[in-house]
C-alpha atoms as a PDB file:
ATOM      1  CA  UNK A   1      57.057  20.820 -64.104  1.00  0.00           C
ATOM      2  CA  UNK A   2      59.115  21.755 -67.161  1.00  0.00           C
ATOM      3  CA  UNK A   3      56.721  24.653 -68.188  1.00  0.00           C
ATOM      4  CA  UNK A   4      57.265  26.452 -64.726  1.00  0.00           C
ATOM      5  CA  UNK A   5      60.885  26.325 -65.228  1.00  0.00           C
ATOM      6  CA  UNK A   6      60.657  27.817 -68.616  1.00  0.00           C
ATOM      7  CA  UNK A   7      58.467  30.808 -67.461  1.00  0.00           C
ATOM      8  CA  UNK A   8      60.896  31.542 -64.701  1.00  0.00           C
ATOM      9  CA  UNK A   9      63.648  31.885 -67.423  1.00  0.00           C
ATOM     10  CA  UNK A  10      61.735  34.046 -69.720  1.00  0.00           C
ATOM     11  CA  UNK A  11      60.389  36.519 -66.892  1.00  0.00           C
ATOM     12  CA  UNK A  12      62.085  38.316 -64.026  1.00  0.00           C
ATOM     13  CA  UNK A  13      60.677  40.805 -61.459  1.00  0.00           C
ATOM     14  CA  UNK A  14      61.424  44.427 -62.534  1.00  0.00           C
ATOM     15  CA  UNK A  15      63.850  45.773 -59.833  1.00  0.00           C
ATOM     16  CA  UNK A  16      62.004  49.157 -59.650  1.00  0.00           C
ATOM     17  CA  UNK A  17      58.430  47.997 -59.583  1.00  0.00           C
ATOM     18  CA  UNK A  18      58.378  44.415 -58.959  1.00  0.00           C
ATOM     19  CA  UNK A  19      56.007  43.454 -61.836  1.00  0.00           C
ATOM     20  CA  UNK A  20      56.960  40.430 -64.134  1.00  0.00           C
ATOM     21  CA  UNK A  21      59.292  41.623 -66.871  1.00  0.00           C
ATOM     22  CA  UNK A  22      59.986  39.517 -70.008  1.00  0.00           C
ATOM     23  CA  UNK A  23      63.866  39.294 -70.532  1.00  0.00           C
ATOM     24  CA  UNK A  24      63.915  38.200 -74.181  1.00  0.00           C
ATOM     25  CA  UNK A  25      63.705  41.108 -76.691  1.00  0.00           C
ATOM     26  CA  UNK A  26      63.235  43.634 -73.729  1.00  0.00           C
ATOM     27  CA  UNK A  27      65.126  46.671 -74.943  1.00  0.00           C
ATOM     28  CA  UNK A  28      64.799  47.979 -71.161  1.00  0.00           C
ATOM     29  CA  UNK A  29      65.899  44.847 -69.027  1.00  0.00           C
ATOM     30  CA  UNK A  30      66.090  44.000 -66.324  1.00  0.00           C
ATOM     31  CA  UNK A  31      63.286  46.655 -66.071  1.00  0.00           C
ATOM     32  CA  UNK A  32      59.706  46.285 -67.360  1.00  0.00           C
ATOM     33  CA  UNK A  33      59.661  49.657 -69.214  1.00  0.00           C
ATOM     34  CA  UNK A  34      61.514  53.031 -69.847  1.00  0.00           C
ATOM     35  CA  UNK A  35      59.894  54.578 -67.028  1.00  0.00           C
ATOM     36  CA  UNK A  36      61.245  52.192 -64.482  1.00  0.00           C
ATOM     37  CA  UNK A  37      64.700  52.495 -66.163  1.00  0.00           C
ATOM     38  CA  UNK A  38      64.615  56.326 -65.665  1.00  0.00           C
ATOM     39  CA  UNK A  39      63.317  56.046 -62.223  1.00  0.00           C
ATOM     40  CA  UNK A  40      66.477  53.779 -61.168  1.00  0.00           C
ATOM     41  CA  UNK A  41      68.858  56.041 -63.059  1.00  0.00           C
ATOM     42  CA  UNK A  42      67.288  59.031 -61.109  1.00  0.00           C
ATOM     43  CA  UNK A  43      68.028  57.158 -57.903  1.00  0.00           C
ATOM     44  CA  UNK A  44      71.570  56.807 -58.879  1.00  0.00           C
ATOM     45  CA  UNK A  45      71.899  60.628 -59.993  1.00  0.00           C
ATOM     46  CA  UNK A  46      70.338  61.782 -56.755  1.00  0.00           C
ATOM     47  CA  UNK A  47      72.621  59.556 -54.359  1.00  0.00           C
ATOM     48  CA  UNK A  48      70.015  57.356 -53.128  1.00  0.00           C
ATOM     49  CA  UNK A  49      72.310  54.511 -54.393  1.00  0.00           C
ATOM     50  CA  UNK A  50      75.901  54.560 -53.294  1.00  0.00           C
ATOM     51  CA  UNK A  51      78.920  52.283 -53.760  1.00  0.00           C
ATOM     52  CA  UNK A  52      80.696  51.911 -50.480  1.00  0.00           C
ATOM     53  CA  UNK A  53      84.202  53.686 -50.226  1.00  0.00           C
ATOM     54  CA  UNK A  54      85.976  56.813 -49.369  1.00  0.00           C
ATOM     55  CA  UNK A  55      84.670  59.940 -50.853  1.00  0.00           C
ATOM     56  CA  UNK A  56      86.552  61.400 -53.847  1.00  0.00           C
ATOM     57  CA  UNK A  57      87.687  64.759 -54.121  1.00  0.00           C
ATOM     58  CA  UNK A  58      85.461  66.774 -56.738  1.00  0.00           C
ATOM     59  CA  UNK A  59      88.295  68.340 -58.294  1.00  0.00           C
ATOM     60  CA  UNK A  60      91.895  67.058 -59.092  1.00  0.00           C
ATOM     61  CA  UNK A  61      93.431  69.764 -56.524  1.00  0.00           C
ATOM     62  CA  UNK A  62      90.769  69.610 -54.132  1.00  0.00           C
ATOM     63  CA  UNK A  63      91.787  67.889 -50.816  1.00  0.00           C
ATOM     64  CA  UNK A  64      89.398  65.081 -49.222  1.00  0.00           C
ATOM     65  CA  UNK A  65      86.809  66.118 -46.704  1.00  0.00           C
ATOM     66  CA  UNK A  66      88.761  64.472 -44.009  1.00  0.00           C
ATOM     67  CA  UNK A  67      90.964  66.845 -42.033  1.00  0.00           C
ATOM     68  CA  UNK A  68      92.741  66.432 -38.943  1.00  0.00           C
ATOM     69  CA  UNK A  69      93.770  69.318 -36.308  1.00  0.00           C
ATOM     70  CA  UNK A  70      96.836  70.308 -38.033  1.00  0.00           C
ATOM     71  CA  UNK A  71      95.163  70.915 -41.278  1.00  0.00           C
ATOM     72  CA  UNK A  72      92.669  73.704 -40.028  1.00  0.00           C
ATOM     73  CA  UNK A  73      92.805  77.076 -41.958  1.00  0.00           C
ATOM     74  CA  UNK A  74      93.856  80.146 -40.202  1.00  0.00           C
END
């Protein structure tokens, strides 16, 4: 019984591909490989993963995308 618990502590599922990934001495953890790490990074860059919240302006002087009827350009 103790052996199964030890294996669970040493390995985890890669969040990208689901394969078992060694935790100890793995420079790509929690991923199994550099490829899976880069796939995950690409999803963040492309906007597939998002943190909930109000959208931020792109530039310090740019207004938020939300406008009411009084803010229309003439």
